[in-house]
Protein backbone atom coordinates (compact mmCIF):
# COMPACT_ATOMS: atom_id res chain seq x y z
CA MET A 1 21.45 31.34 -14.15
CA LYS A 2 25.27 31.75 -15.32
CA ALA A 3 26.14 30.94 -18.92
CA ALA A 4 29.51 31.38 -20.58
CA ARG A 5 28.61 33.78 -23.34
CA VAL A 6 29.84 35.16 -26.67
CA HIS A 7 28.98 39.04 -27.74
CA GLU A 8 32.03 39.74 -29.80
CA LYS A 9 34.54 37.83 -31.48
CA ASP A 10 37.36 36.27 -29.51
CA LYS A 11 35.94 37.01 -25.95
CA ILE A 12 33.92 34.60 -23.88
CA VAL A 13 32.07 35.95 -20.62
CA ILE A 14 30.28 34.54 -17.92
CA GLU A 15 27.34 36.52 -17.03
CA ASP A 16 23.84 36.28 -15.14
CA VAL A 17 20.82 35.09 -17.58
CA PRO A 18 17.10 34.20 -17.49
CA LEU A 19 16.23 30.65 -16.84
CA PRO A 20 15.06 30.38 -20.19
CA LYS A 21 10.86 29.97 -20.61
CA LEU A 22 9.57 27.02 -22.14
CA GLY A 23 7.20 26.05 -25.10
CA GLU A 24 4.85 23.37 -24.71
CA GLU A 25 7.25 21.28 -26.84
CA ASP A 26 10.39 22.27 -24.70
CA VAL A 27 12.54 20.60 -22.12
CA LEU A 28 14.38 22.36 -19.70
CA ILE A 29 17.91 20.38 -18.67
CA LYS A 30 19.91 20.81 -15.98
CA VAL A 31 23.71 20.48 -17.10
CA HIS A 32 26.38 18.43 -15.26
CA ARG A 33 29.06 18.06 -18.04
CA VAL A 34 30.36 19.95 -21.42
CA GLY A 35 32.73 18.79 -23.70
CA ILE A 36 34.59 21.80 -25.75
CA CYS A 37 34.32 20.88 -29.04
CA GLY A 38 36.80 22.40 -32.03
CA THR A 39 33.52 23.99 -33.26
CA ASP A 40 33.06 25.87 -30.29
CA VAL A 41 36.40 27.22 -30.46
CA GLY A 42 35.17 28.47 -34.34
CA VAL A 43 32.24 30.33 -33.08
CA VAL A 44 34.53 32.19 -30.37
CA HIS A 45 37.29 32.85 -33.08
CA GLY A 46 34.37 33.88 -35.49
CA TYR A 47 34.99 31.08 -38.23
CA VAL A 48 32.05 29.16 -37.63
CA PRO A 49 28.95 31.03 -38.28
CA ALA A 50 27.05 31.98 -35.70
CA LYS A 51 24.64 34.72 -34.08
CA PHE A 52 25.67 36.44 -31.45
CA PRO A 53 25.27 37.05 -28.26
CA VAL A 54 25.00 33.06 -27.86
CA THR A 55 25.71 30.56 -25.18
CA LEU A 56 28.17 28.42 -26.20
CA GLY A 57 28.11 24.57 -26.22
CA HIS A 58 26.37 21.76 -27.85
CA GLU A 59 28.07 18.27 -26.80
CA PHE A 60 26.81 17.72 -22.89
CA SER A 61 25.03 15.38 -20.26
CA GLY A 62 22.40 16.78 -17.45
CA THR A 63 19.18 15.70 -16.13
CA ILE A 64 15.58 16.55 -16.84
CA ALA A 65 14.65 19.93 -14.76
CA GLY A 66 11.32 20.77 -16.65
CA LEU A 67 8.66 19.98 -19.46
CA GLY A 68 6.86 22.48 -21.37
CA SER A 69 3.87 19.92 -20.96
CA PRO A 70 3.02 17.01 -18.82
CA SER A 71 5.07 13.90 -19.84
CA LEU A 72 6.02 14.93 -23.14
CA GLY A 73 8.29 12.58 -24.88
CA GLY A 74 7.82 10.04 -22.38
CA PHE A 75 10.45 11.94 -20.25
CA LYS A 76 10.23 13.02 -16.12
CA GLU A 77 12.32 15.33 -14.07
CA GLY A 78 15.55 13.54 -12.75
CA ASP A 79 15.87 11.20 -16.26
CA LEU A 80 19.77 11.39 -17.29
CA VAL A 81 19.91 12.68 -20.55
CA SER A 82 21.94 13.90 -23.75
CA ALA A 83 20.83 15.95 -26.82
CA ALA A 84 21.46 15.90 -30.78
CA GLY A 85 23.30 19.20 -31.65
CA GLY A 86 20.32 20.91 -32.69
CA TRP A 87 16.71 20.44 -34.39
CA GLY A 88 15.18 21.72 -37.81
CA CYS A 89 12.50 23.95 -38.63
CA GLY A 90 10.17 21.22 -39.52
CA GLU A 91 8.36 22.73 -42.37
CA CYS A 92 10.96 22.80 -44.97
CA GLU A 93 11.74 20.37 -47.84
CA TYR A 94 14.97 18.83 -45.90
CA CYS A 95 12.90 18.37 -42.49
CA LYS A 96 10.24 16.67 -44.48
CA GLU A 97 12.47 14.38 -46.05
CA GLY A 98 14.42 13.38 -42.90
CA MET A 99 17.37 15.40 -43.66
CA VAL A 100 17.18 18.14 -40.60
CA ARG A 101 21.02 18.28 -40.87
CA PHE A 102 20.59 20.57 -43.85
CA CYS A 103 17.70 22.57 -42.52
CA LYS A 104 18.68 26.35 -43.79
CA ASP A 105 16.67 27.23 -40.25
CA ARG A 106 18.28 24.54 -38.15
CA ASN A 107 18.26 25.59 -34.48
CA SER A 108 22.06 24.91 -33.81
CA LEU A 109 23.06 24.63 -29.92
CA GLY A 110 25.62 27.12 -29.24
CA ARG A 111 25.31 28.80 -32.85
CA THR A 112 22.13 30.06 -33.59
CA VAL A 113 20.14 29.28 -29.86
CA ASP A 114 21.86 29.37 -26.74
CA GLY A 115 23.74 26.42 -25.45
CA CYS A 116 24.78 24.59 -22.68
CA PHE A 117 27.55 25.94 -21.23
CA ALA A 118 25.29 27.14 -18.60
CA GLU A 119 23.61 25.89 -15.78
CA PHE A 120 20.46 24.70 -17.59
CA VAL A 121 19.78 24.19 -21.46
CA ARG A 122 16.29 24.44 -23.32
CA MET A 123 15.54 22.13 -26.05
CA ASP A 124 12.96 20.78 -28.58
CA TYR A 125 12.14 17.54 -26.80
CA GLN A 126 12.40 15.23 -30.07
CA ALA A 127 16.17 16.38 -29.94
CA VAL A 128 16.71 14.95 -26.18
CA TYR A 129 17.80 11.38 -26.02
CA LYS A 130 17.47 9.12 -22.22
CA LEU A 131 20.80 7.59 -21.21
CA PRO A 132 20.56 4.01 -19.62
CA PRO A 133 21.10 4.09 -15.90
CA ASN A 134 24.19 2.56 -15.86
CA VAL A 135 25.61 5.44 -18.05
CA GLY A 136 27.73 8.32 -15.98
CA PHE A 137 27.35 12.28 -16.78
CA ASP A 138 31.69 11.94 -17.89
CA GLU A 139 30.29 9.07 -20.37
CA GLY A 140 26.88 10.76 -21.50
CA GLN A 141 28.46 14.19 -22.30
CA ASN A 142 30.24 12.33 -25.54
CA PHE A 143 26.58 10.87 -26.76
CA LEU A 144 26.75 13.44 -29.92
CA ASN A 145 30.43 12.85 -31.06
CA ILE A 146 29.38 8.97 -30.69
CA ALA A 147 26.77 9.33 -33.13
CA CYS A 148 28.34 11.39 -35.41
CA VAL A 149 31.01 8.46 -35.57
CA ILE A 150 28.73 5.88 -36.04
CA ARG A 151 26.94 7.98 -38.97
CA ALA A 152 30.70 8.04 -40.56
CA PHE A 153 31.53 5.19 -39.95
CA LYS A 154 28.86 3.37 -41.63
CA LYS A 155 29.68 5.45 -44.90
CA ALA A 156 32.11 3.14 -45.93
CA PRO A 157 31.60 -0.37 -46.68
CA LEU A 158 34.51 -1.90 -44.00
CA GLN A 159 34.91 -5.26 -44.34
CA LEU A 160 36.70 -8.01 -41.51
CA GLY A 161 40.09 -7.59 -42.01
CA ASN A 162 40.66 -4.36 -43.32
CA LYS A 163 43.33 -1.78 -42.84
CA VAL A 164 42.35 1.31 -41.70
CA ILE A 165 43.99 4.81 -40.89
CA VAL A 166 42.80 7.51 -38.68
CA PHE A 167 44.50 10.80 -39.34
CA GLY A 168 43.59 12.72 -35.92
CA ALA A 169 43.53 11.31 -32.35
CA GLY A 170 41.74 13.45 -30.85
CA ASN A 171 37.91 13.05 -29.55
CA MET A 172 36.20 11.83 -32.27
CA GLY A 173 39.46 9.71 -33.93
CA LEU A 174 39.67 7.89 -31.14
CA ILE A 175 36.30 6.86 -30.94
CA MET A 176 36.50 5.87 -34.51
CA LEU A 177 39.27 4.24 -34.05
CA GLN A 178 37.71 1.80 -31.22
CA ILE A 179 34.77 1.40 -33.13
CA LEU A 180 36.91 0.29 -36.58
CA LYS A 181 38.84 -2.35 -34.15
CA ILE A 182 35.58 -3.51 -32.44
CA THR A 183 34.17 -4.15 -36.09
CA GLY A 184 36.99 -6.44 -37.31
CA ALA A 185 39.78 -3.98 -38.38
CA SER A 186 42.70 -6.29 -38.68
CA GLU A 187 45.36 -3.45 -38.48
CA ALA A 188 44.98 0.15 -37.43
CA ALA A 189 47.09 3.13 -37.57
CA VAL A 190 46.72 6.37 -36.28
CA VAL A 191 48.61 9.72 -37.23
CA ASP A 192 48.88 12.74 -35.33
CA THR A 193 51.26 15.58 -34.12
CA ILE A 194 50.98 15.04 -30.24
CA ASP A 195 52.67 12.27 -28.49
CA PHE A 196 49.98 12.21 -25.68
CA ARG A 197 47.64 11.38 -27.70
CA LEU A 198 49.35 8.61 -29.95
CA GLU A 199 49.92 6.92 -26.64
CA ILE A 200 46.31 6.92 -25.95
CA ALA A 201 45.69 5.75 -29.40
CA LYS A 202 48.26 2.68 -28.61
CA GLU A 203 45.88 1.98 -25.54
CA PHE A 204 42.72 2.04 -27.64
CA GLY A 205 44.24 -0.50 -29.81
CA ALA A 206 46.19 0.78 -32.61
CA ASP A 207 48.76 -1.29 -33.86
CA HIS A 208 50.90 1.85 -35.57
CA VAL A 209 50.96 5.12 -34.66
CA MET A 210 52.78 7.94 -36.38
CA ASN A 211 53.98 11.72 -35.39
CA ALA A 212 53.46 13.25 -38.28
CA ILE A 213 55.73 16.02 -37.51
CA ARG A 214 58.53 13.67 -37.22
CA GLU A 215 57.50 11.39 -40.28
CA ASP A 216 56.13 11.39 -43.14
CA PRO A 217 52.91 9.44 -43.57
CA VAL A 218 53.18 9.02 -47.28
CA LYS A 219 56.16 7.65 -46.99
CA LEU A 220 56.06 5.48 -43.93
CA ILE A 221 52.20 4.27 -44.44
CA PRO A 222 53.24 2.02 -47.85
CA GLU A 223 55.62 0.14 -45.47
CA TRP A 224 53.09 -0.68 -42.86
CA PHE A 225 49.99 -1.28 -45.35
CA SER A 226 51.38 -2.51 -48.74
CA GLY A 227 49.33 -0.49 -51.60
CA GLY A 228 48.00 1.62 -48.94
CA ALA A 229 44.76 1.41 -46.65
CA ASP A 230 41.40 -0.02 -47.38
CA VAL A 231 39.71 2.80 -45.14
CA VAL A 232 41.08 5.92 -44.17
CA VAL A 233 39.48 8.24 -41.85
CA GLU A 234 40.21 12.45 -41.84
CA ALA A 235 39.77 13.57 -38.68
CA THR A 236 41.92 16.55 -38.02
CA GLY A 237 40.27 19.01 -39.94
CA SER A 238 43.28 20.37 -41.17
CA THR A 239 44.10 21.23 -45.21
CA LEU A 240 47.57 19.96 -44.56
CA SER A 241 46.58 16.31 -43.62
CA PHE A 242 43.64 15.95 -45.95
CA PRO A 243 46.24 15.44 -49.18
CA LYS A 244 48.36 13.23 -47.17
CA ALA A 245 44.97 11.18 -46.31
CA CYS A 246 44.17 10.81 -50.13
CA ALA A 247 47.53 9.50 -50.68
CA VAL A 248 47.65 6.66 -48.92
CA ILE A 249 44.29 5.33 -49.58
CA LYS A 250 44.56 1.91 -51.44
CA PRO A 251 43.50 1.16 -55.29
CA GLY A 252 39.68 0.87 -54.65
CA GLY A 253 39.47 2.23 -51.22
CA ALA A 254 37.68 4.81 -49.55
CA LEU A 255 38.53 8.14 -47.26
CA ILE A 256 35.45 9.20 -44.65
CA ASN A 257 35.96 13.01 -43.71
CA ILE A 258 34.77 14.07 -40.48
CA GLY A 259 36.89 16.86 -40.06
CA MET A 260 35.55 20.68 -40.20
CA TYR A 261 37.97 23.31 -42.04
CA SER A 262 38.52 26.38 -41.45
CA LYS A 263 40.89 27.26 -44.33
CA LYS A 264 40.64 26.80 -48.02
CA LEU A 265 42.82 23.98 -49.85
CA SER A 266 44.60 25.07 -52.89
CA ASP A 267 46.94 23.32 -55.47
CA PHE A 268 45.57 19.83 -54.87
CA ASP A 269 45.86 17.07 -57.07
CA LEU A 270 42.78 15.05 -57.94
CA SER A 271 44.23 12.86 -60.42
CA PHE A 272 44.12 9.95 -57.75
CA LEU A 273 40.51 9.71 -57.90
CA TYR A 274 40.86 8.57 -61.48
CA GLU A 275 44.08 6.43 -60.87
CA LYS A 276 43.02 4.63 -57.78
CA GLU A 277 39.10 4.78 -58.11
CA ALA A 278 38.85 5.98 -54.55
CA ILE A 279 35.88 7.19 -53.16
CA ILE A 280 35.64 10.28 -50.56
CA TYR A 281 32.68 10.14 -48.01
CA GLY A 282 31.65 13.43 -46.18
CA SER A 283 29.62 12.96 -43.03
CA LYS A 284 27.93 15.68 -41.19
CA GLY A 285 26.24 15.26 -37.88
CA GLY A 286 24.82 12.29 -35.89
CA GLU A 287 21.33 11.91 -37.43
CA GLY A 288 19.79 8.41 -37.91
CA GLU A 289 22.55 7.20 -35.18
CA TYR A 290 21.19 8.79 -31.88
CA ASP A 291 19.33 5.50 -30.83
CA GLU A 292 22.51 3.38 -31.65
CA ALA A 293 24.82 5.75 -29.95
CA VAL A 294 22.62 5.18 -26.72
CA GLN A 295 22.78 1.71 -27.12
CA LEU A 296 26.62 1.72 -27.45
CA LEU A 297 27.01 3.90 -24.49
CA GLY A 298 24.96 1.47 -22.60
CA GLN A 299 26.99 -1.35 -23.54
CA LYS A 300 30.22 0.28 -22.07
CA ARG A 301 32.31 -1.04 -24.97
CA LEU A 302 33.73 2.03 -25.57
CA GLN A 303 36.66 3.92 -23.32
CA ILE A 304 35.36 7.41 -22.83
CA THR A 305 36.39 8.76 -19.48
CA PRO A 306 40.13 7.84 -20.19
CA MET A 307 39.76 10.71 -22.84
CA ILE A 308 38.93 13.45 -20.11
CA THR A 309 42.33 15.47 -19.31
CA HIS A 310 40.87 18.52 -17.71
CA ARG A 311 37.80 19.43 -15.45
CA PHE A 312 37.04 23.45 -15.14
CA PRO A 313 33.84 24.90 -13.42
CA LEU A 314 31.68 26.71 -15.55
CA GLU A 315 33.17 30.04 -14.12
CA GLU A 316 36.66 28.98 -15.73
CA THR A 317 35.15 28.29 -19.17
CA PRO A 318 37.71 30.72 -20.75
CA LYS A 319 40.54 28.68 -19.10
CA GLY A 320 39.19 25.67 -20.56
CA PHE A 321 39.37 27.20 -23.93
CA GLU A 322 42.94 28.39 -23.52
CA THR A 323 43.66 24.88 -22.48
CA PHE A 324 42.19 23.41 -25.43
CA GLN A 325 44.30 25.37 -27.87
CA ASP A 326 47.62 25.26 -26.03
CA LYS A 327 49.48 21.77 -27.32
CA ALA A 328 51.80 22.12 -24.51
CA GLN A 329 49.26 21.29 -22.25
CA ASN A 330 48.48 17.25 -23.46
CA ALA A 331 44.82 18.19 -23.67
CA LEU A 332 42.14 15.76 -25.45
CA ARG A 333 38.59 15.94 -24.00
CA ILE A 334 38.24 19.25 -21.69
CA ILE A 335 34.91 19.18 -19.68
CA ILE A 336 33.36 21.87 -18.20
CA GLU A 337 31.19 21.13 -15.07
CA PRO A 338 28.34 23.65 -14.55
CA SER A 339 26.80 21.31 -11.94
CA SER A 340 28.30 18.63 -9.99
């Protein structure tokens, strides 16, 4: 089978690799759609740890193509599925306490084990989730990010009528915007640096949008929300954005961080934590929220396919990654299609 792999930093190659052999608790999935994620880009460029050589990718949809043992997990060939981004060792204290996300020997798709930028991917059946029959491949590829956003959303005590701000109108930021509006935010503002994404944010329900290159959020947001926002979501992974997100939290408010940072933050004033009694929540992965993500997909309450801006066959995966990083391309969700 063909796979998009990294043997060395900054270079993706398409090569033929053997079809994975299944253990008794493994399933083989034929991959139909894969979304390019910032974590994948970090693996390619070396600032997200990974074991080379490795097949990239962890956000996908596909169909069951094989089972390590009969009726494993209730799956059958042809089932439409997606999956968590990895699975734990099952033996360490974190796994035994139900905190698989902290497992030191975690099997992370596209990082420590071969991922889904391939015609087929092998996974532990316990990390695989069957999707509803009314969900297509294009929607199903976003399953993991939906679970991650749900988990992050539940960190802060959002109340009906709260005013919220989302920094970053990427895939996860726009999913978060939709969930915030569904659950009763009275006003929502979105901050980004790309006008194309801000236009989509308006279509998804944002009441205010701002391009942070032309305007300063710290100055403008108080004009929209007196005293600041009840809940601020930082979804950019930018050390330039994080201090601004902290600055616009209202007294007693909260910040949810779902960004993944490649640089360190320096010279940052933490006095706002005392002055505002603000709370900062970190959130890692979608653990515990996968079933709810399945339900939300089945209810068709989220706009997923409008975020897809580019498609490439597996052979053009390097071009897909180039497009992801080229701001002039107006790229949002880039899909690789190993199978039609």
